[in-house]
């Protein structure tokens, strides 16, 4: 087994609206390996609870020992997530870093649809539905 990939990190996704003022319950959160198309099978599919959070999930992560030597390899693994909830624009975040032994909290701000909106007519960057998480500065 590859020693670099034999570690685990954790992720909790929190869905909110009104710029974090209100939690969004019962949103569907799908987690994908980074670089996989969203139409492939998700490695996790979860629903948020009354506080807008998913359960803590374990994800494969690269060994933190990679950060001890100056190499081109990043000492974390990245994932993509999508969030769906009726009445809101779909949201996608890519390049979410997961570090060995660390629980990461990823907050997703959902934008409500107006009464006459079509959630599929928006461009990928409309209202921040699509977000690329910046690379870690480690």
N, C-alpha and C. Protein backbone atom coordinates (compact mmCIF):
# COMPACT_ATOMS: atom_id res chain seq x y z
N UNK A 1 0.84 -1.18 0.00
CA UNK A 1 0.00 0.00 0.00
C UNK A 1 0.89 1.25 0.00
N UNK A 2 0.48 2.27 -0.73
CA UNK A 2 1.22 3.52 -0.79
C UNK A 2 1.11 4.24 0.55
N UNK A 3 2.24 4.40 1.22
CA UNK A 3 2.27 5.00 2.56
C UNK A 3 1.74 6.43 2.55
N UNK A 4 1.93 7.18 1.45
CA UNK A 4 1.48 8.56 1.37
C UNK A 4 -0.04 8.67 1.41
N UNK A 5 -0.75 7.64 0.93
CA UNK A 5 -2.21 7.71 0.84
C UNK A 5 -2.91 6.95 1.96
N UNK A 6 -2.16 6.43 2.91
CA UNK A 6 -2.72 5.60 3.96
C UNK A 6 -3.07 6.42 5.20
N UNK A 7 -3.63 7.60 5.00
CA UNK A 7 -4.01 8.45 6.13
C UNK A 7 -5.41 9.00 5.90
N UNK A 8 -5.99 9.52 6.96
CA UNK A 8 -7.37 9.99 6.92
C UNK A 8 -7.45 11.43 7.44
N UNK A 9 -8.30 12.23 6.79
CA UNK A 9 -8.68 13.56 7.26
C UNK A 9 -10.19 13.59 7.34
N UNK A 10 -10.74 14.65 7.86
CA UNK A 10 -12.18 14.70 8.08
C UNK A 10 -12.77 15.99 7.52
N UNK A 11 -14.06 15.92 7.18
CA UNK A 11 -14.75 17.08 6.62
C UNK A 11 -16.17 17.17 7.19
N UNK A 12 -16.56 18.39 7.55
CA UNK A 12 -17.93 18.72 7.90
C UNK A 12 -18.33 19.86 6.96
N UNK A 13 -19.48 19.73 6.32
CA UNK A 13 -19.99 20.78 5.44
C UNK A 13 -21.15 21.46 6.16
N UNK A 14 -21.12 22.79 6.15
CA UNK A 14 -22.20 23.57 6.75
C UNK A 14 -22.84 24.41 5.66
N UNK A 15 -24.17 24.30 5.53
CA UNK A 15 -24.89 25.09 4.55
C UNK A 15 -25.66 26.19 5.26
N UNK A 16 -25.53 27.40 4.70
CA UNK A 16 -26.17 28.58 5.29
C UNK A 16 -26.78 29.41 4.17
N UNK A 17 -27.58 30.37 4.55
CA UNK A 17 -28.10 31.37 3.62
C UNK A 17 -28.06 32.72 4.32
N UNK A 18 -28.37 33.78 3.60
CA UNK A 18 -28.33 35.14 4.15
C UNK A 18 -26.94 35.45 4.72
N UNK A 19 -25.91 35.07 3.94
CA UNK A 19 -24.51 35.31 4.32
C UNK A 19 -24.17 34.76 5.70
N UNK A 20 -24.67 33.57 5.99
CA UNK A 20 -24.33 32.89 7.23
C UNK A 20 -25.31 33.10 8.36
N UNK A 21 -26.34 33.91 8.17
CA UNK A 21 -27.27 34.21 9.25
C UNK A 21 -28.21 33.05 9.57
N UNK A 22 -28.52 32.22 8.57
CA UNK A 22 -29.49 31.14 8.76
C UNK A 22 -28.94 29.82 8.25
N UNK A 23 -29.09 28.74 9.01
CA UNK A 23 -28.68 27.42 8.51
C UNK A 23 -29.69 26.91 7.48
N UNK A 24 -29.23 26.05 6.58
CA UNK A 24 -30.12 25.44 5.59
C UNK A 24 -30.19 23.95 5.89
N UNK A 25 -31.34 23.52 6.38
CA UNK A 25 -31.56 22.13 6.74
C UNK A 25 -31.94 21.31 5.52
N UNK A 26 -31.53 20.04 5.53
CA UNK A 26 -31.93 19.05 4.53
C UNK A 26 -31.39 19.34 3.14
N UNK A 27 -30.27 20.04 3.05
CA UNK A 27 -29.59 20.22 1.76
C UNK A 27 -28.83 18.93 1.44
N UNK A 28 -28.75 18.59 0.16
CA UNK A 28 -28.03 17.39 -0.26
C UNK A 28 -26.60 17.79 -0.61
N UNK A 29 -25.64 17.17 0.05
CA UNK A 29 -24.22 17.43 -0.17
C UNK A 29 -23.58 16.19 -0.78
N UNK A 30 -22.97 16.34 -1.95
CA UNK A 30 -22.25 15.25 -2.60
C UNK A 30 -20.77 15.57 -2.62
N UNK A 31 -19.94 14.59 -2.26
CA UNK A 31 -18.48 14.74 -2.23
C UNK A 31 -17.90 13.88 -3.34
N UNK A 32 -16.98 14.46 -4.13
CA UNK A 32 -16.32 13.78 -5.23
C UNK A 32 -14.82 13.90 -5.09
N UNK A 33 -14.11 12.93 -5.64
CA UNK A 33 -12.67 13.07 -5.74
C UNK A 33 -12.39 14.27 -6.64
N UNK A 34 -11.39 15.07 -6.29
CA UNK A 34 -11.06 16.25 -7.09
C UNK A 34 -10.69 15.82 -8.51
N UNK A 35 -11.20 16.54 -9.48
CA UNK A 35 -10.91 16.22 -10.87
C UNK A 35 -11.95 15.31 -11.50
N UNK A 36 -12.81 14.71 -10.69
CA UNK A 36 -13.88 13.87 -11.22
C UNK A 36 -15.05 14.77 -11.60
N UNK A 37 -15.73 14.40 -12.66
CA UNK A 37 -16.89 15.15 -13.09
C UNK A 37 -18.03 14.96 -12.10
N UNK A 38 -18.84 15.97 -11.92
CA UNK A 38 -19.94 15.89 -10.97
C UNK A 38 -20.99 14.86 -11.37
N UNK A 39 -20.94 14.39 -12.64
CA UNK A 39 -21.91 13.37 -13.04
C UNK A 39 -21.41 11.96 -12.73
N UNK A 40 -20.20 11.83 -12.18
CA UNK A 40 -19.71 10.53 -11.75
C UNK A 40 -20.30 10.22 -10.38
N UNK A 41 -20.11 9.02 -9.92
CA UNK A 41 -20.65 8.65 -8.61
C UNK A 41 -19.94 9.39 -7.50
N UNK A 42 -20.72 9.95 -6.62
CA UNK A 42 -20.16 10.63 -5.46
C UNK A 42 -19.60 9.59 -4.50
N UNK A 43 -18.51 9.95 -3.79
CA UNK A 43 -17.99 9.02 -2.79
C UNK A 43 -18.78 9.14 -1.49
N UNK A 44 -19.45 10.27 -1.29
CA UNK A 44 -20.38 10.46 -0.18
C UNK A 44 -21.56 11.28 -0.67
N UNK A 45 -22.73 10.98 -0.15
CA UNK A 45 -23.93 11.79 -0.37
C UNK A 45 -24.62 11.90 0.99
N UNK A 46 -24.74 13.14 1.49
CA UNK A 46 -25.24 13.38 2.84
C UNK A 46 -26.32 14.45 2.82
N UNK A 47 -27.05 14.55 3.89
CA UNK A 47 -28.02 15.64 4.09
C UNK A 47 -27.62 16.42 5.34
N UNK A 48 -27.89 17.71 5.29
CA UNK A 48 -27.57 18.55 6.44
C UNK A 48 -28.67 18.45 7.49
N UNK A 49 -28.28 18.67 8.75
CA UNK A 49 -29.23 18.61 9.86
C UNK A 49 -29.84 19.99 10.12
N UNK A 50 -30.54 20.14 11.23
CA UNK A 50 -31.22 21.40 11.55
C UNK A 50 -30.26 22.57 11.70
N UNK A 51 -29.00 22.29 12.05
CA UNK A 51 -28.00 23.36 12.16
C UNK A 51 -27.29 23.63 10.84
N UNK A 52 -27.72 22.92 9.77
CA UNK A 52 -27.12 23.11 8.46
C UNK A 52 -25.84 22.32 8.25
N UNK A 53 -25.48 21.43 9.18
CA UNK A 53 -24.22 20.69 9.10
C UNK A 53 -24.44 19.23 8.72
N UNK A 54 -23.45 18.68 8.03
CA UNK A 54 -23.42 17.24 7.76
C UNK A 54 -22.74 16.54 8.93
N UNK A 55 -22.85 15.24 8.95
CA UNK A 55 -22.03 14.46 9.87
C UNK A 55 -20.57 14.63 9.47
N UNK A 56 -19.67 14.36 10.39
CA UNK A 56 -18.23 14.37 10.10
C UNK A 56 -17.92 13.13 9.28
N UNK A 57 -17.28 13.32 8.13
CA UNK A 57 -16.94 12.18 7.27
C UNK A 57 -15.44 12.03 7.15
N UNK A 58 -14.99 10.79 7.03
CA UNK A 58 -13.57 10.48 6.87
C UNK A 58 -13.25 10.40 5.39
N UNK A 59 -12.16 11.06 5.00
CA UNK A 59 -11.70 11.06 3.60
C UNK A 59 -10.22 10.71 3.55
N UNK A 60 -9.83 10.06 2.46
CA UNK A 60 -8.41 9.78 2.27
C UNK A 60 -7.64 11.09 2.22
N UNK A 61 -6.48 11.11 2.83
CA UNK A 61 -5.63 12.30 2.84
C UNK A 61 -4.18 11.87 2.66
N UNK A 62 -3.39 12.77 2.14
CA UNK A 62 -1.96 12.50 2.02
C UNK A 62 -1.29 12.64 3.38
N UNK A 63 -0.19 11.98 3.56
CA UNK A 63 0.55 12.02 4.81
C UNK A 63 1.09 13.41 5.08
N UNK A 64 0.96 13.85 6.33
CA UNK A 64 1.50 15.16 6.71
C UNK A 64 3.03 15.18 6.64
N UNK A 65 3.66 14.01 6.58
CA UNK A 65 5.12 13.96 6.46
C UNK A 65 5.60 14.57 5.15
N UNK A 66 4.72 14.70 4.17
CA UNK A 66 5.10 15.33 2.89
C UNK A 66 5.45 16.80 3.07
N UNK A 67 4.96 17.41 4.16
CA UNK A 67 5.25 18.83 4.39
C UNK A 67 6.64 19.05 4.99
N UNK A 68 7.34 17.96 5.31
CA UNK A 68 8.66 18.09 5.94
C UNK A 68 9.79 18.28 4.95
N UNK A 69 9.54 18.00 3.68
CA UNK A 69 10.57 18.16 2.66
C UNK A 69 10.05 19.06 1.55
N UNK A 70 10.92 19.90 1.00
CA UNK A 70 10.48 20.79 -0.08
C UNK A 70 10.34 20.02 -1.39
N UNK A 71 9.12 19.70 -1.74
CA UNK A 71 8.83 19.00 -2.98
C UNK A 71 7.68 19.71 -3.68
N UNK A 72 7.39 19.25 -4.89
CA UNK A 72 6.26 19.80 -5.62
C UNK A 72 4.93 19.24 -5.13
N UNK A 73 4.97 18.14 -4.40
CA UNK A 73 3.74 17.49 -3.95
C UNK A 73 3.14 18.22 -2.75
N UNK A 74 1.82 18.48 -2.83
CA UNK A 74 1.12 19.14 -1.74
C UNK A 74 0.86 18.13 -0.62
N UNK A 75 0.95 18.56 0.66
CA UNK A 75 0.74 17.64 1.78
C UNK A 75 -0.73 17.49 2.16
N UNK A 76 -1.61 17.55 1.19
CA UNK A 76 -3.03 17.38 1.43
C UNK A 76 -3.70 16.85 0.16
N UNK A 77 -4.90 16.33 0.32
CA UNK A 77 -5.68 15.82 -0.79
C UNK A 77 -6.84 16.78 -1.03
N UNK A 78 -7.26 16.95 -2.28
CA UNK A 78 -8.35 17.87 -2.57
C UNK A 78 -9.59 17.12 -3.07
N UNK A 79 -10.74 17.71 -2.77
CA UNK A 79 -12.03 17.14 -3.13
C UNK A 79 -12.93 18.23 -3.71
N UNK A 80 -14.00 17.80 -4.35
CA UNK A 80 -15.03 18.69 -4.88
C UNK A 80 -16.34 18.36 -4.19
N UNK A 81 -17.16 19.37 -3.95
CA UNK A 81 -18.49 19.10 -3.40
C UNK A 81 -19.54 19.90 -4.14
N UNK A 82 -20.74 19.34 -4.20
CA UNK A 82 -21.90 20.05 -4.73
C UNK A 82 -22.98 20.06 -3.67
N UNK A 83 -23.78 21.12 -3.67
CA UNK A 83 -24.87 21.24 -2.71
C UNK A 83 -26.14 21.58 -3.48
N UNK A 84 -27.20 20.80 -3.20
CA UNK A 84 -28.50 20.99 -3.84
C UNK A 84 -29.56 21.16 -2.76
N UNK A 85 -30.47 22.09 -2.99
CA UNK A 85 -31.62 22.28 -2.10
C UNK A 85 -32.70 22.97 -2.92
N UNK A 86 -33.90 22.40 -2.91
CA UNK A 86 -35.00 23.04 -3.62
C UNK A 86 -35.17 24.47 -3.12
N UNK A 87 -35.37 25.39 -4.08
CA UNK A 87 -35.56 26.79 -3.73
C UNK A 87 -34.28 27.60 -3.69
N UNK A 88 -33.13 26.95 -3.98
CA UNK A 88 -31.82 27.62 -3.95
C UNK A 88 -31.04 27.29 -5.22
N UNK A 89 -30.13 28.18 -5.60
CA UNK A 89 -29.21 27.86 -6.68
C UNK A 89 -28.30 26.73 -6.24
N UNK A 90 -27.97 25.85 -7.17
CA UNK A 90 -27.01 24.79 -6.89
C UNK A 90 -25.64 25.42 -6.67
N UNK A 91 -24.85 24.85 -5.78
CA UNK A 91 -23.53 25.37 -5.50
C UNK A 91 -22.48 24.28 -5.67
N UNK A 92 -21.31 24.65 -6.15
CA UNK A 92 -20.21 23.71 -6.32
C UNK A 92 -18.93 24.36 -5.80
N UNK A 93 -18.16 23.60 -5.02
CA UNK A 93 -16.86 24.06 -4.55
C UNK A 93 -15.83 23.02 -4.96
N UNK A 94 -14.73 23.49 -5.51
CA UNK A 94 -13.67 22.59 -5.94
C UNK A 94 -12.38 22.93 -5.20
N UNK A 95 -11.47 21.96 -5.18
CA UNK A 95 -10.15 22.14 -4.60
C UNK A 95 -10.19 22.28 -3.07
N UNK A 96 -11.10 21.57 -2.42
CA UNK A 96 -11.21 21.63 -0.96
C UNK A 96 -10.10 20.77 -0.36
N UNK A 97 -9.20 21.37 0.42
CA UNK A 97 -8.08 20.60 0.99
C UNK A 97 -8.49 19.79 2.21
N UNK A 98 -8.01 18.56 2.27
CA UNK A 98 -8.21 17.69 3.42
C UNK A 98 -6.82 17.27 3.92
N UNK A 99 -6.54 17.57 5.19
CA UNK A 99 -5.24 17.29 5.79
C UNK A 99 -5.34 16.09 6.73
N UNK A 100 -4.27 15.35 6.82
CA UNK A 100 -4.21 14.18 7.69
C UNK A 100 -4.55 14.57 9.13
N UNK A 101 -5.53 13.86 9.72
CA UNK A 101 -5.86 14.03 11.13
C UNK A 101 -6.60 15.31 11.49
N UNK A 102 -6.91 16.14 10.52
CA UNK A 102 -7.56 17.42 10.77
C UNK A 102 -9.02 17.36 10.32
N UNK A 103 -9.92 17.98 11.10
CA UNK A 103 -11.32 18.11 10.70
C UNK A 103 -11.49 19.50 10.09
N UNK A 104 -11.84 19.54 8.81
CA UNK A 104 -12.06 20.80 8.10
C UNK A 104 -13.54 21.11 8.08
N UNK A 105 -13.90 22.38 8.23
CA UNK A 105 -15.28 22.83 8.11
C UNK A 105 -15.38 23.66 6.84
N UNK A 106 -16.22 23.24 5.91
CA UNK A 106 -16.43 23.96 4.66
C UNK A 106 -17.83 24.55 4.68
N UNK A 107 -17.93 25.87 4.68
CA UNK A 107 -19.22 26.54 4.70
C UNK A 107 -19.64 26.89 3.28
N UNK A 108 -20.89 26.60 2.96
CA UNK A 108 -21.45 26.90 1.64
C UNK A 108 -22.65 27.83 1.85
N UNK A 109 -22.55 29.03 1.27
CA UNK A 109 -23.64 30.00 1.35
C UNK A 109 -24.56 29.80 0.15
N UNK A 110 -25.79 29.36 0.39
CA UNK A 110 -26.75 29.12 -0.68
C UNK A 110 -27.56 30.39 -0.96
N UNK A 111 -27.78 30.64 -2.25
CA UNK A 111 -28.52 31.82 -2.69
C UNK A 111 -29.95 31.39 -3.05
N UNK A 112 -30.96 31.98 -2.42
CA UNK A 112 -32.34 31.60 -2.74
C UNK A 112 -32.72 32.00 -4.16
N UNK A 113 -33.56 31.17 -4.77
CA UNK A 113 -34.13 31.50 -6.08
C UNK A 113 -35.28 32.47 -5.88
N UNK A 114 -35.47 33.35 -6.84
CA UNK A 114 -36.68 34.16 -6.80
C UNK A 114 -37.82 33.29 -7.30
N UNK A 115 -39.01 33.75 -7.17
CA UNK A 115 -40.19 32.97 -7.54
C UNK A 115 -40.16 32.54 -9.00
N UNK A 116 -39.54 33.34 -9.87
CA UNK A 116 -39.57 33.05 -11.30
C UNK A 116 -38.21 32.62 -11.84
N UNK A 117 -37.26 32.29 -10.99
CA UNK A 117 -35.91 31.92 -11.41
C UNK A 117 -35.85 30.48 -11.88
N UNK A 118 -34.94 30.24 -12.81
CA UNK A 118 -34.62 28.89 -13.26
C UNK A 118 -33.22 28.58 -12.76
N UNK A 119 -33.04 27.59 -11.86
CA UNK A 119 -31.71 27.34 -11.28
C UNK A 119 -30.69 26.85 -12.30
N UNK A 120 -31.13 26.42 -13.46
CA UNK A 120 -30.21 25.87 -14.46
C UNK A 120 -29.87 26.87 -15.56
N UNK A 121 -30.40 28.09 -15.48
CA UNK A 121 -30.13 29.08 -16.51
C UNK A 121 -28.94 29.96 -16.17
N UNK A 122 -28.40 29.82 -14.98
CA UNK A 122 -27.30 30.67 -14.53
C UNK A 122 -25.97 30.16 -15.06
N UNK A 123 -25.05 31.08 -15.28
CA UNK A 123 -23.70 30.69 -15.66
C UNK A 123 -22.96 30.18 -14.43
N UNK A 124 -21.86 29.40 -14.60
CA UNK A 124 -21.20 28.79 -13.44
C UNK A 124 -20.74 29.76 -12.37
N UNK A 125 -20.42 31.00 -12.71
CA UNK A 125 -19.94 31.92 -11.68
C UNK A 125 -21.03 32.89 -11.21
N UNK A 126 -22.25 32.70 -11.67
CA UNK A 126 -23.35 33.58 -11.29
C UNK A 126 -23.59 33.52 -9.79
N UNK A 127 -23.56 34.66 -9.13
CA UNK A 127 -23.81 34.76 -7.69
C UNK A 127 -22.92 33.88 -6.84
N UNK A 128 -21.77 33.50 -7.36
CA UNK A 128 -20.83 32.72 -6.56
C UNK A 128 -21.23 31.27 -6.38
N UNK A 129 -22.04 30.72 -7.29
CA UNK A 129 -22.44 29.32 -7.16
C UNK A 129 -21.23 28.39 -7.28
N UNK A 130 -20.27 28.76 -8.11
CA UNK A 130 -19.10 27.93 -8.33
C UNK A 130 -17.92 28.61 -7.68
N UNK A 131 -17.26 27.90 -6.78
CA UNK A 131 -16.14 28.49 -6.06
C UNK A 131 -14.95 27.55 -6.11
N UNK A 132 -13.79 28.09 -6.48
CA UNK A 132 -12.55 27.33 -6.41
C UNK A 132 -11.84 27.76 -5.15
N UNK A 133 -11.67 26.83 -4.24
CA UNK A 133 -10.98 27.13 -2.99
C UNK A 133 -9.50 27.31 -3.30
N UNK A 134 -8.87 28.41 -2.88
CA UNK A 134 -7.46 28.65 -3.20
C UNK A 134 -6.57 27.57 -2.61
N UNK A 135 -5.45 27.31 -3.28
CA UNK A 135 -4.48 26.34 -2.76
C UNK A 135 -4.00 26.79 -1.39
N UNK A 136 -3.71 25.82 -0.54
CA UNK A 136 -3.17 26.11 0.78
C UNK A 136 -1.77 26.70 0.64
N UNK A 137 -1.40 27.56 1.55
CA UNK A 137 -0.08 28.20 1.49
C UNK A 137 1.00 27.42 2.21
N UNK A 138 0.71 26.17 2.55
CA UNK A 138 1.72 25.33 3.23
C UNK A 138 2.91 25.09 2.35
